[in-house]
């Protein structure tokens, strides 16, 4: 790969740039030291953040040096939300979240070799600065009339909530980050989402004022939209997080596996590290045989392996197959099985009853009579075993890990029953 700008454009990862031709030249003359910032306003990063981390990974693989900034200072404030003030978290909570986020970013970058990544924390250069120093040395270079024109601030000024001076000042802090990284590490590029463009350019503007000879750049990636109108990175159960305790590896895998055919090509280009040829082949397969879901499976396996490791991916693939009768359910470890069943319709019962009652109670059929018809027609399964009798009652020995039954109607309709007293 000789031109990272062309690569990013092919993948649909450039929405805004301060000067694309100048940036292309900087990469050609390289290596470029660049950074992207992540604020610890939650205990985990999510899929929107993953776009930025993987963009950093691509730029590093093209021979450039990344700085991963986790904002121990800016995380105490938070960038302005569209319509409400952020809840301020306690400093000790933010400090804990800093470490959690650093641990999620680090495995996705390379910390060895001539372009080794470096993790930085903006608390290092802000906590010792007095308010007077901040106002004189940094705030003096910002003009209020330009600050209120930034999109994030303008939206809040138009809302009933308004905006506090604290969040209004966020762009100054982010601008100072770029200046400090320019001075400390020779950083000349900041990347981020296009919704952060005002904050990104606050840094380039500040550097141009205090370091007139500096040549610096900002690059904004597009916001990802889904064809069905729902928000990217969200499911019925909420945000898709990178932390396996907040979003299980199974649920993470299923998010990609369930991607709409209209979205999977875009997702492949943005998230996958497969070659152009491999991606175009998967795109063609989606067009010709969408029911095979080859692109979704490839993406789900690649991303789950990248974020959670090959072992977890193997476990969730085995679980996904076993649920549909292509493997042994009782061979799945308890944690993986629990995570997979949590994604299905499920009920908890005090004791086992007839199969037809369970099918109706969990909602696989509309009524007990419908359940009997399903059994009679050969379409009812418990733990992948066909139910032979309308009067069948599962035994306690049938419970997987002493807790669960997996019910299936036909080939694709699944549900789970957990016995609380087991």
Protein backbone atom coordinates (compact mmCIF):
# COMPACT_ATOMS: atom_id res chain seq x y z
CA UNK A 1 0.00 0.00 0.00
CA UNK A 2 1.75 3.14 -1.20
CA UNK A 3 -0.94 5.78 -0.67
CA UNK A 4 -2.89 5.61 2.58
CA UNK A 5 -5.15 8.47 1.48
CA UNK A 6 -6.34 6.46 -1.51
CA UNK A 7 -6.81 3.43 0.75
CA UNK A 8 -8.91 5.40 3.24
CA UNK A 9 -10.98 6.88 0.41
CA UNK A 10 -11.63 3.44 -1.11
CA UNK A 11 -12.89 2.31 2.27
CA UNK A 12 -15.14 5.34 2.66
CA UNK A 13 -13.20 6.65 5.65
CA UNK A 14 -12.63 10.26 4.63
CA UNK A 15 -15.47 12.71 5.15
CA UNK A 16 -13.48 15.88 5.89
CA UNK A 17 -9.87 16.96 5.59
CA UNK A 18 -8.13 20.27 6.19
CA UNK A 19 -6.16 19.82 2.94
CA UNK A 20 -6.22 16.44 1.27
CA UNK A 21 -3.39 17.13 -1.16
CA UNK A 22 -1.14 18.46 1.60
CA UNK A 23 -1.97 15.43 3.75
CA UNK A 24 -1.19 13.08 0.87
CA UNK A 25 2.22 14.76 0.49
CA UNK A 26 2.86 14.52 4.24
CA UNK A 27 2.22 10.77 4.14
CA UNK A 28 4.44 10.41 1.06
CA UNK A 29 7.25 12.28 2.80
CA UNK A 30 6.46 10.45 6.11
CA UNK A 31 6.38 8.92 8.51
CA UNK A 32 3.61 11.02 10.07
CA UNK A 33 3.01 11.07 13.81
CA UNK A 34 -0.75 11.28 14.38
CA UNK A 35 -3.23 10.92 17.20
CA UNK A 36 -6.83 10.19 18.02
CA UNK A 37 -8.44 10.89 21.38
CA UNK A 38 -10.91 8.84 23.42
CA UNK A 39 -12.67 10.22 26.47
CA UNK A 40 -13.45 7.93 29.44
CA UNK A 41 -17.09 9.02 29.79
CA UNK A 42 -18.14 5.35 30.12
CA UNK A 43 -16.38 2.21 31.39
CA UNK A 44 -15.94 0.86 27.85
CA UNK A 45 -15.45 1.91 24.26
CA UNK A 46 -18.13 1.02 21.69
CA UNK A 47 -18.37 0.34 17.96
CA UNK A 48 -18.23 4.03 17.06
CA UNK A 49 -14.86 4.22 18.82
CA UNK A 50 -13.76 1.05 17.02
CA UNK A 51 -14.00 2.93 13.71
CA UNK A 52 -11.37 5.35 15.00
CA UNK A 53 -9.08 2.69 16.49
CA UNK A 54 -9.09 0.64 13.30
CA UNK A 55 -8.47 3.77 11.22
CA UNK A 56 -5.42 4.38 13.41
CA UNK A 57 -4.36 0.77 12.84
CA UNK A 58 -4.59 1.23 9.05
CA UNK A 59 -2.56 4.44 9.10
CA UNK A 60 0.07 2.79 11.31
CA UNK A 61 0.28 -0.21 8.99
CA UNK A 62 1.05 2.25 6.19
CA UNK A 63 4.22 3.23 8.05
CA UNK A 64 3.09 6.00 10.40
CA UNK A 65 3.27 6.48 14.17
CA UNK A 66 0.07 6.57 16.27
CA UNK A 67 -0.51 8.24 19.62
CA UNK A 68 -3.52 6.85 21.44
CA UNK A 69 -4.84 9.53 23.76
CA UNK A 70 -7.18 8.58 26.57
CA UNK A 71 -8.43 11.82 28.07
CA UNK A 72 -8.03 11.70 31.81
CA UNK A 73 -8.61 15.47 31.79
CA UNK A 74 -11.23 15.89 29.05
CA UNK A 75 -13.03 12.84 30.43
CA UNK A 76 -13.70 14.82 33.59
CA UNK A 77 -15.76 17.22 31.44
CA UNK A 78 -16.95 15.41 28.31
CA UNK A 79 -17.53 16.96 24.91
CA UNK A 80 -20.90 18.67 24.45
CA UNK A 81 -23.77 16.30 23.72
CA UNK A 82 -26.35 17.53 21.17
CA UNK A 83 -29.07 18.47 23.64
CA UNK A 84 -28.04 18.08 27.29
CA UNK A 85 -25.23 18.58 29.76
CA UNK A 86 -23.17 15.52 30.62
CA UNK A 87 -23.21 14.10 34.12
CA UNK A 88 -19.81 14.72 35.69
CA UNK A 89 -18.18 11.56 37.01
CA UNK A 90 -15.96 11.42 40.10
CA UNK A 91 -12.20 11.75 39.38
CA UNK A 92 -11.47 8.29 40.81
CA UNK A 93 -14.11 6.76 38.50
CA UNK A 94 -12.66 8.54 35.47
CA UNK A 95 -9.17 7.35 36.44
CA UNK A 96 -10.42 3.74 36.52
CA UNK A 97 -12.10 4.15 33.15
CA UNK A 98 -8.89 5.59 31.68
CA UNK A 99 -7.12 2.31 32.43
CA UNK A 100 -9.98 0.23 31.06
CA UNK A 101 -10.01 2.15 27.77
CA UNK A 102 -6.24 2.01 27.43
CA UNK A 103 -6.45 -1.77 27.82
CA UNK A 104 -9.02 -1.97 25.01
CA UNK A 105 -7.04 0.21 22.59
CA UNK A 106 -3.58 -1.24 23.18
CA UNK A 107 -4.10 -4.72 21.62
CA UNK A 108 -5.25 -3.14 18.35
CA UNK A 109 -2.10 -1.08 17.80
CA UNK A 110 1.53 -2.13 17.39
CA UNK A 111 3.85 -1.00 20.20
CA UNK A 112 7.08 -2.33 18.68
CA UNK A 113 9.29 -1.30 15.79
CA UNK A 114 10.24 2.08 14.30
CA UNK A 115 6.64 3.34 14.27
CA UNK A 116 5.67 1.98 17.68
CA UNK A 117 2.45 3.36 19.12
CA UNK A 118 2.48 5.43 22.31
CA UNK A 119 -0.39 5.82 24.79
CA UNK A 120 -0.79 9.31 26.28
CA UNK A 121 -3.07 10.99 28.84
CA UNK A 122 -3.94 14.68 28.64
CA UNK A 123 -4.15 14.85 32.43
CA UNK A 124 -0.34 14.84 32.33
CA UNK A 125 -0.21 18.38 30.92
CA UNK A 126 -3.36 19.86 32.41
CA UNK A 127 -3.39 18.89 36.08
CA UNK A 128 -0.41 21.10 36.92
CA UNK A 129 -1.67 24.12 34.98
CA UNK A 130 -3.31 26.96 36.87
CA UNK A 131 -6.48 28.67 35.65
CA UNK A 132 -4.51 31.86 35.00
CA UNK A 133 -1.95 30.01 32.89
CA UNK A 134 -4.72 28.29 30.94
CA UNK A 135 -6.49 31.59 30.20
CA UNK A 136 -3.32 33.52 29.33
CA UNK A 137 -1.39 30.88 27.41
CA UNK A 138 -4.20 29.01 25.65
CA UNK A 139 -7.57 30.75 26.02
CA UNK A 140 -6.14 34.01 24.68
CA UNK A 141 -5.83 32.47 21.21
CA UNK A 142 -9.52 31.52 20.90
CA UNK A 143 -12.22 33.89 19.67
CA UNK A 144 -15.67 33.47 21.18
CA UNK A 145 -17.51 34.39 17.98
CA UNK A 146 -15.74 31.53 16.19
CA UNK A 147 -16.23 29.12 19.10
CA UNK A 148 -19.99 29.58 19.16
CA UNK A 149 -20.11 28.80 15.45
CA UNK A 150 -18.79 25.27 16.01
CA UNK A 151 -21.57 22.77 15.27
CA UNK A 152 -21.66 21.08 18.68
CA UNK A 153 -21.85 24.43 20.49
CA UNK A 154 -24.34 25.94 18.04
CA UNK A 155 -26.76 23.04 18.51
CA UNK A 156 -26.65 23.44 22.26
CA UNK A 157 -27.12 27.19 22.11
CA UNK A 158 -30.29 26.61 20.11
CA UNK A 159 -31.63 24.12 22.68
CA UNK A 160 -33.53 24.92 25.84
CA UNK A 161 -30.68 23.42 27.86
CA UNK A 162 -28.10 25.90 26.60
CA UNK A 163 -24.45 25.12 27.35
CA UNK A 164 -22.29 25.55 30.44
CA UNK A 165 -18.98 27.37 30.37
CA UNK A 166 -17.39 24.02 31.25
CA UNK A 167 -18.55 22.23 28.10
CA UNK A 168 -18.13 25.39 26.03
CA UNK A 169 -14.43 25.26 26.97
CA UNK A 170 -14.01 21.64 25.84
CA UNK A 171 -12.79 22.65 22.38
CA UNK A 172 -10.02 24.71 23.97
CA UNK A 173 -8.81 21.69 25.92
CA UNK A 174 -8.83 19.51 22.81
CA UNK A 175 -7.01 22.20 20.87
CA UNK A 176 -4.38 22.32 23.62
CA UNK A 177 -3.98 18.53 23.35
CA UNK A 178 -2.95 18.79 19.71
CA UNK A 179 -0.51 21.62 20.51
CA UNK A 180 1.07 19.63 23.36
CA UNK A 181 1.41 16.51 21.23
CA UNK A 182 2.92 18.59 18.42
CA UNK A 183 5.51 19.95 20.84
CA UNK A 184 6.19 16.71 22.74
CA UNK A 185 5.99 14.12 19.95
CA UNK A 186 6.09 16.01 16.65
CA UNK A 187 2.44 15.08 16.05
CA UNK A 188 1.09 16.71 12.87
CA UNK A 189 -2.24 14.95 12.29
CA UNK A 190 -5.38 14.44 14.37
CA UNK A 191 -8.08 12.00 13.30
CA UNK A 192 -11.62 11.66 14.60
CA UNK A 193 -15.26 11.48 13.64
CA UNK A 194 -16.73 14.17 11.41
CA UNK A 195 -19.12 15.12 14.23
CA UNK A 196 -15.99 16.25 16.10
CA UNK A 197 -14.75 18.45 13.29
CA UNK A 198 -15.05 21.67 15.28
CA UNK A 199 -12.92 20.18 18.05
CA UNK A 200 -10.38 18.81 15.56
CA UNK A 201 -9.90 22.15 13.83
CA UNK A 202 -9.60 23.98 17.14
CA UNK A 203 -6.26 22.20 17.43
CA UNK A 204 -5.02 23.06 13.96
CA UNK A 205 -6.10 26.70 14.45
CA UNK A 206 -4.30 26.96 17.80
CA UNK A 207 -1.08 25.47 16.44
CA UNK A 208 -1.10 27.84 13.48
CA UNK A 209 -1.38 30.80 15.88
CA UNK A 210 1.36 29.83 18.32
CA UNK A 211 3.62 27.90 15.93
CA UNK A 212 3.28 29.84 12.65
CA UNK A 213 5.68 27.61 10.71
CA UNK A 214 3.95 24.36 11.65
CA UNK A 215 2.16 22.28 9.03
CA UNK A 216 -0.59 20.24 10.68
CA UNK A 217 -3.67 18.40 9.50
CA UNK A 218 -7.06 17.12 10.64
CA UNK A 219 -8.95 14.18 9.13
CA UNK A 220 -12.61 13.39 9.86
CA UNK A 221 -14.21 10.00 9.24
CA UNK A 222 -17.91 9.85 8.28
CA UNK A 223 -20.65 8.95 10.70
CA UNK A 224 -21.87 5.44 9.90
CA UNK A 225 -25.55 5.08 9.06
CA UNK A 226 -27.62 1.94 8.58
CA UNK A 227 -29.92 1.32 5.66
CA UNK A 228 -32.92 0.58 7.87
CA UNK A 229 -32.65 3.94 9.62
CA UNK A 230 -31.60 2.55 13.02
CA UNK A 231 -28.46 3.83 14.70
CA UNK A 232 -25.20 2.03 13.96
CA UNK A 233 -23.77 0.18 16.96
CA UNK A 234 -27.16 -0.20 18.64
CA UNK A 235 -29.30 -3.30 19.11
CA UNK A 236 -32.61 -3.92 20.85
CA UNK A 237 -30.65 -4.57 24.04
CA UNK A 238 -28.62 -1.36 23.70
CA UNK A 239 -25.12 -0.23 22.72
CA UNK A 240 -22.59 -2.73 21.39
CA UNK A 241 -19.58 -2.31 23.71
CA UNK A 242 -16.05 -3.68 23.35
CA UNK A 243 -15.99 -4.86 26.98
CA UNK A 244 -16.99 -8.57 27.02
CA UNK A 245 -18.82 -8.09 30.33
CA UNK A 246 -21.01 -5.34 28.85
CA UNK A 247 -21.56 -6.96 25.44
CA UNK A 248 -20.74 -10.66 25.34
CA UNK A 249 -18.53 -11.97 22.52
CA UNK A 250 -21.57 -13.94 21.32
CA UNK A 251 -23.73 -10.79 21.11
CA UNK A 252 -20.83 -8.96 19.44
CA UNK A 253 -20.54 -11.73 16.85
CA UNK A 254 -24.29 -11.75 16.26
CA UNK A 255 -24.33 -7.99 15.62
CA UNK A 256 -22.11 -8.46 12.57
CA UNK A 257 -23.76 -11.71 11.52
CA UNK A 258 -27.15 -9.96 11.46
CA UNK A 259 -25.93 -7.04 9.36
CA UNK A 260 -28.34 -6.00 6.62
CA UNK A 261 -27.26 -7.02 3.11
CA UNK A 262 -27.50 -3.34 2.19
CA UNK A 263 -24.93 -2.45 4.85
CA UNK A 264 -22.46 -5.31 4.78
CA UNK A 265 -20.37 -3.97 1.89
CA UNK A 266 -19.87 -0.66 3.70
CA UNK A 267 -19.07 -2.46 6.96
CA UNK A 268 -16.52 -4.69 5.22
CA UNK A 269 -14.67 -1.72 3.78
CA UNK A 270 -14.66 0.23 7.04
CA UNK A 271 -13.86 -2.57 9.48
CA UNK A 272 -12.23 -5.45 7.63
CA UNK A 273 -8.50 -5.76 6.95
CA UNK A 274 -9.08 -8.08 4.01
CA UNK A 275 -7.67 -7.06 0.63
CA UNK A 276 -9.69 -5.14 -1.95
CA UNK A 277 -10.00 -8.33 -3.98
CA UNK A 278 -11.29 -10.38 -1.05
CA UNK A 279 -13.83 -7.73 -0.11
CA UNK A 280 -15.05 -7.36 -3.69
CA UNK A 281 -15.45 -11.15 -3.89
CA UNK A 282 -17.56 -11.12 -0.70
CA UNK A 283 -19.61 -8.23 -2.10
CA UNK A 284 -20.27 -10.28 -5.24
CA UNK A 285 -21.30 -13.29 -3.15
CA UNK A 286 -23.78 -11.12 -1.25
CA UNK A 287 -25.27 -9.94 -4.52
CA UNK A 288 -25.48 -13.40 -6.07
CA UNK A 289 -26.31 -15.55 -3.01
CA UNK A 290 -27.48 -13.29 -0.18
CA UNK A 291 -29.03 -16.21 1.72
CA UNK A 292 -25.54 -17.68 2.32
CA UNK A 293 -24.53 -14.54 4.30
CA UNK A 294 -20.87 -15.20 3.44
CA UNK A 295 -19.87 -11.56 3.90
CA UNK A 296 -21.59 -11.30 7.28
CA UNK A 297 -19.94 -14.49 8.53
CA UNK A 298 -16.51 -13.37 7.35
CA UNK A 299 -16.94 -9.97 9.00
CA UNK A 300 -18.29 -11.44 12.24
CA UNK A 301 -15.39 -13.87 12.58
CA UNK A 302 -12.74 -11.28 11.69
CA UNK A 303 -14.02 -8.57 14.03
CA UNK A 304 -14.76 -10.91 16.95
CA UNK A 305 -11.25 -12.34 16.63
CA UNK A 306 -9.72 -8.88 16.46
CA UNK A 307 -11.55 -7.60 19.56
CA UNK A 308 -12.02 -10.74 21.66
CA UNK A 309 -9.47 -13.24 20.38
CA UNK A 310 -9.52 -16.44 18.35
CA UNK A 311 -10.56 -18.61 21.31
CA UNK A 312 -13.70 -16.62 22.00
CA UNK A 313 -14.54 -16.56 18.30
CA UNK A 314 -14.27 -20.34 18.06
CA UNK A 315 -16.55 -20.67 21.09
CA UNK A 316 -19.25 -18.37 19.74
CA UNK A 317 -19.13 -19.93 16.26
CA UNK A 318 -19.59 -23.36 17.87
CA UNK A 319 -22.50 -22.00 19.93
CA UNK A 320 -24.12 -20.42 16.90
CA UNK A 321 -23.94 -23.71 15.00
CA UNK A 322 -25.04 -25.86 17.94
CA UNK A 323 -28.17 -23.79 18.53
CA UNK A 324 -29.34 -24.71 15.04
CA UNK A 325 -28.56 -28.41 15.32
CA UNK A 326 -25.07 -28.36 13.78
CA UNK A 327 -23.19 -29.24 16.95
CA UNK A 328 -23.56 -30.58 20.47
CA UNK A 329 -25.16 -28.15 22.89
CA UNK A 330 -23.82 -29.91 25.95
CA UNK A 331 -20.26 -29.44 24.70
CA UNK A 332 -20.55 -25.64 24.99
CA UNK A 333 -19.03 -24.05 28.07
CA UNK A 334 -21.57 -22.60 30.47
CA UNK A 335 -20.58 -18.95 30.00
CA UNK A 336 -20.81 -19.07 26.21
CA UNK A 337 -24.11 -20.94 26.31
CA UNK A 338 -25.57 -18.44 28.79
CA UNK A 339 -24.49 -15.54 26.55
CA UNK A 340 -26.01 -17.14 23.46
CA UNK A 341 -29.31 -17.94 25.17
CA UNK A 342 -29.54 -14.40 26.56
CA UNK A 343 -29.97 -13.21 22.96
CA UNK A 344 -33.04 -15.46 22.47
CA UNK A 345 -36.60 -15.19 23.73
CA UNK A 346 -36.45 -16.91 27.10
CA UNK A 347 -38.44 -17.60 30.24
CA UNK A 348 -37.56 -18.75 33.71
CA UNK A 349 -39.70 -21.44 35.30
CA UNK A 350 -39.77 -22.98 38.75
CA UNK A 351 -40.12 -26.53 37.44
CA UNK A 352 -40.34 -28.42 34.20
CA UNK A 353 -43.72 -28.93 32.57
CA UNK A 354 -44.98 -30.46 29.30
CA UNK A 355 -43.15 -29.42 26.15
CA UNK A 356 -46.32 -27.90 24.65
CA UNK A 357 -46.69 -25.67 27.72
CA UNK A 358 -43.08 -24.52 27.46
CA UNK A 359 -43.37 -23.75 23.74
CA UNK A 360 -46.45 -21.61 24.39
CA UNK A 361 -45.05 -19.89 27.47
CA UNK A 362 -41.81 -18.82 25.77
CA UNK A 363 -43.74 -17.52 22.75
CA UNK A 364 -42.53 -19.90 20.05
CA UNK A 365 -46.19 -20.62 19.27
CA UNK A 366 -49.39 -18.71 19.92
CA UNK A 367 -51.08 -21.40 22.03
CA UNK A 368 -50.80 -24.91 23.44
CA UNK A 369 -52.93 -26.23 20.61
CA UNK A 370 -50.50 -24.65 18.13
CA UNK A 371 -47.65 -26.32 20.02
CA UNK A 372 -49.37 -29.70 19.68
CA UNK A 373 -49.72 -29.16 15.93
CA UNK A 374 -46.01 -28.29 15.72
CA UNK A 375 -45.10 -31.52 17.54
CA UNK A 376 -47.46 -33.56 15.37
CA UNK A 377 -45.94 -32.07 12.21
CA UNK A 378 -42.41 -32.91 13.39
CA UNK A 379 -41.26 -29.33 13.84
CA UNK A 380 -40.64 -29.21 17.60
CA UNK A 381 -37.17 -29.78 19.06
CA UNK A 382 -35.77 -29.73 22.59
CA UNK A 383 -31.98 -29.54 22.76
CA UNK A 384 -31.90 -30.36 19.03
CA UNK A 385 -33.82 -33.63 19.59
CA UNK A 386 -37.16 -33.92 17.79
CA UNK A 387 -40.13 -34.16 20.15
CA UNK A 388 -41.98 -37.34 19.34
CA UNK A 389 -45.03 -37.04 21.60
CA UNK A 390 -47.50 -34.25 22.28
CA UNK A 391 -47.43 -35.31 25.94
CA UNK A 392 -43.65 -35.22 26.29
CA UNK A 393 -42.23 -33.76 29.49
CA UNK A 394 -38.48 -33.00 29.66
CA UNK A 395 -36.58 -34.67 32.49
CA UNK A 396 -34.25 -32.91 34.86
CA UNK A 397 -31.41 -34.82 33.20
CA UNK A 398 -32.20 -33.03 29.94
CA UNK A 399 -31.15 -29.67 31.40
CA UNK A 400 -27.88 -28.40 29.89
CA UNK A 401 -25.44 -27.46 32.66
CA UNK A 402 -28.31 -28.33 34.99
CA UNK A 403 -30.18 -25.14 34.01
CA UNK A 404 -31.35 -24.77 30.43
CA UNK A 405 -33.45 -26.22 27.67
CA UNK A 406 -33.10 -24.96 24.11
CA UNK A 407 -36.41 -25.07 22.23
CA UNK A 408 -36.64 -24.86 18.46
CA UNK A 409 -39.61 -24.65 16.11
CA UNK A 410 -38.68 -25.63 12.58
CA UNK A 411 -35.19 -24.70 11.41
CA UNK A 412 -34.77 -21.14 12.65
CA UNK A 413 -37.12 -20.22 15.52
CA UNK A 414 -35.30 -20.56 18.82
CA UNK A 415 -36.05 -19.89 22.48
CA UNK A 416 -34.66 -20.87 25.86
CA UNK A 417 -36.07 -22.06 29.16
CA UNK A 418 -34.16 -21.70 32.41
CA UNK A 419 -35.23 -23.71 35.43
CA UNK A 420 -34.66 -21.53 38.47
CA UNK A 421 -34.78 -24.29 41.04
CA UNK A 422 -32.44 -26.60 39.19
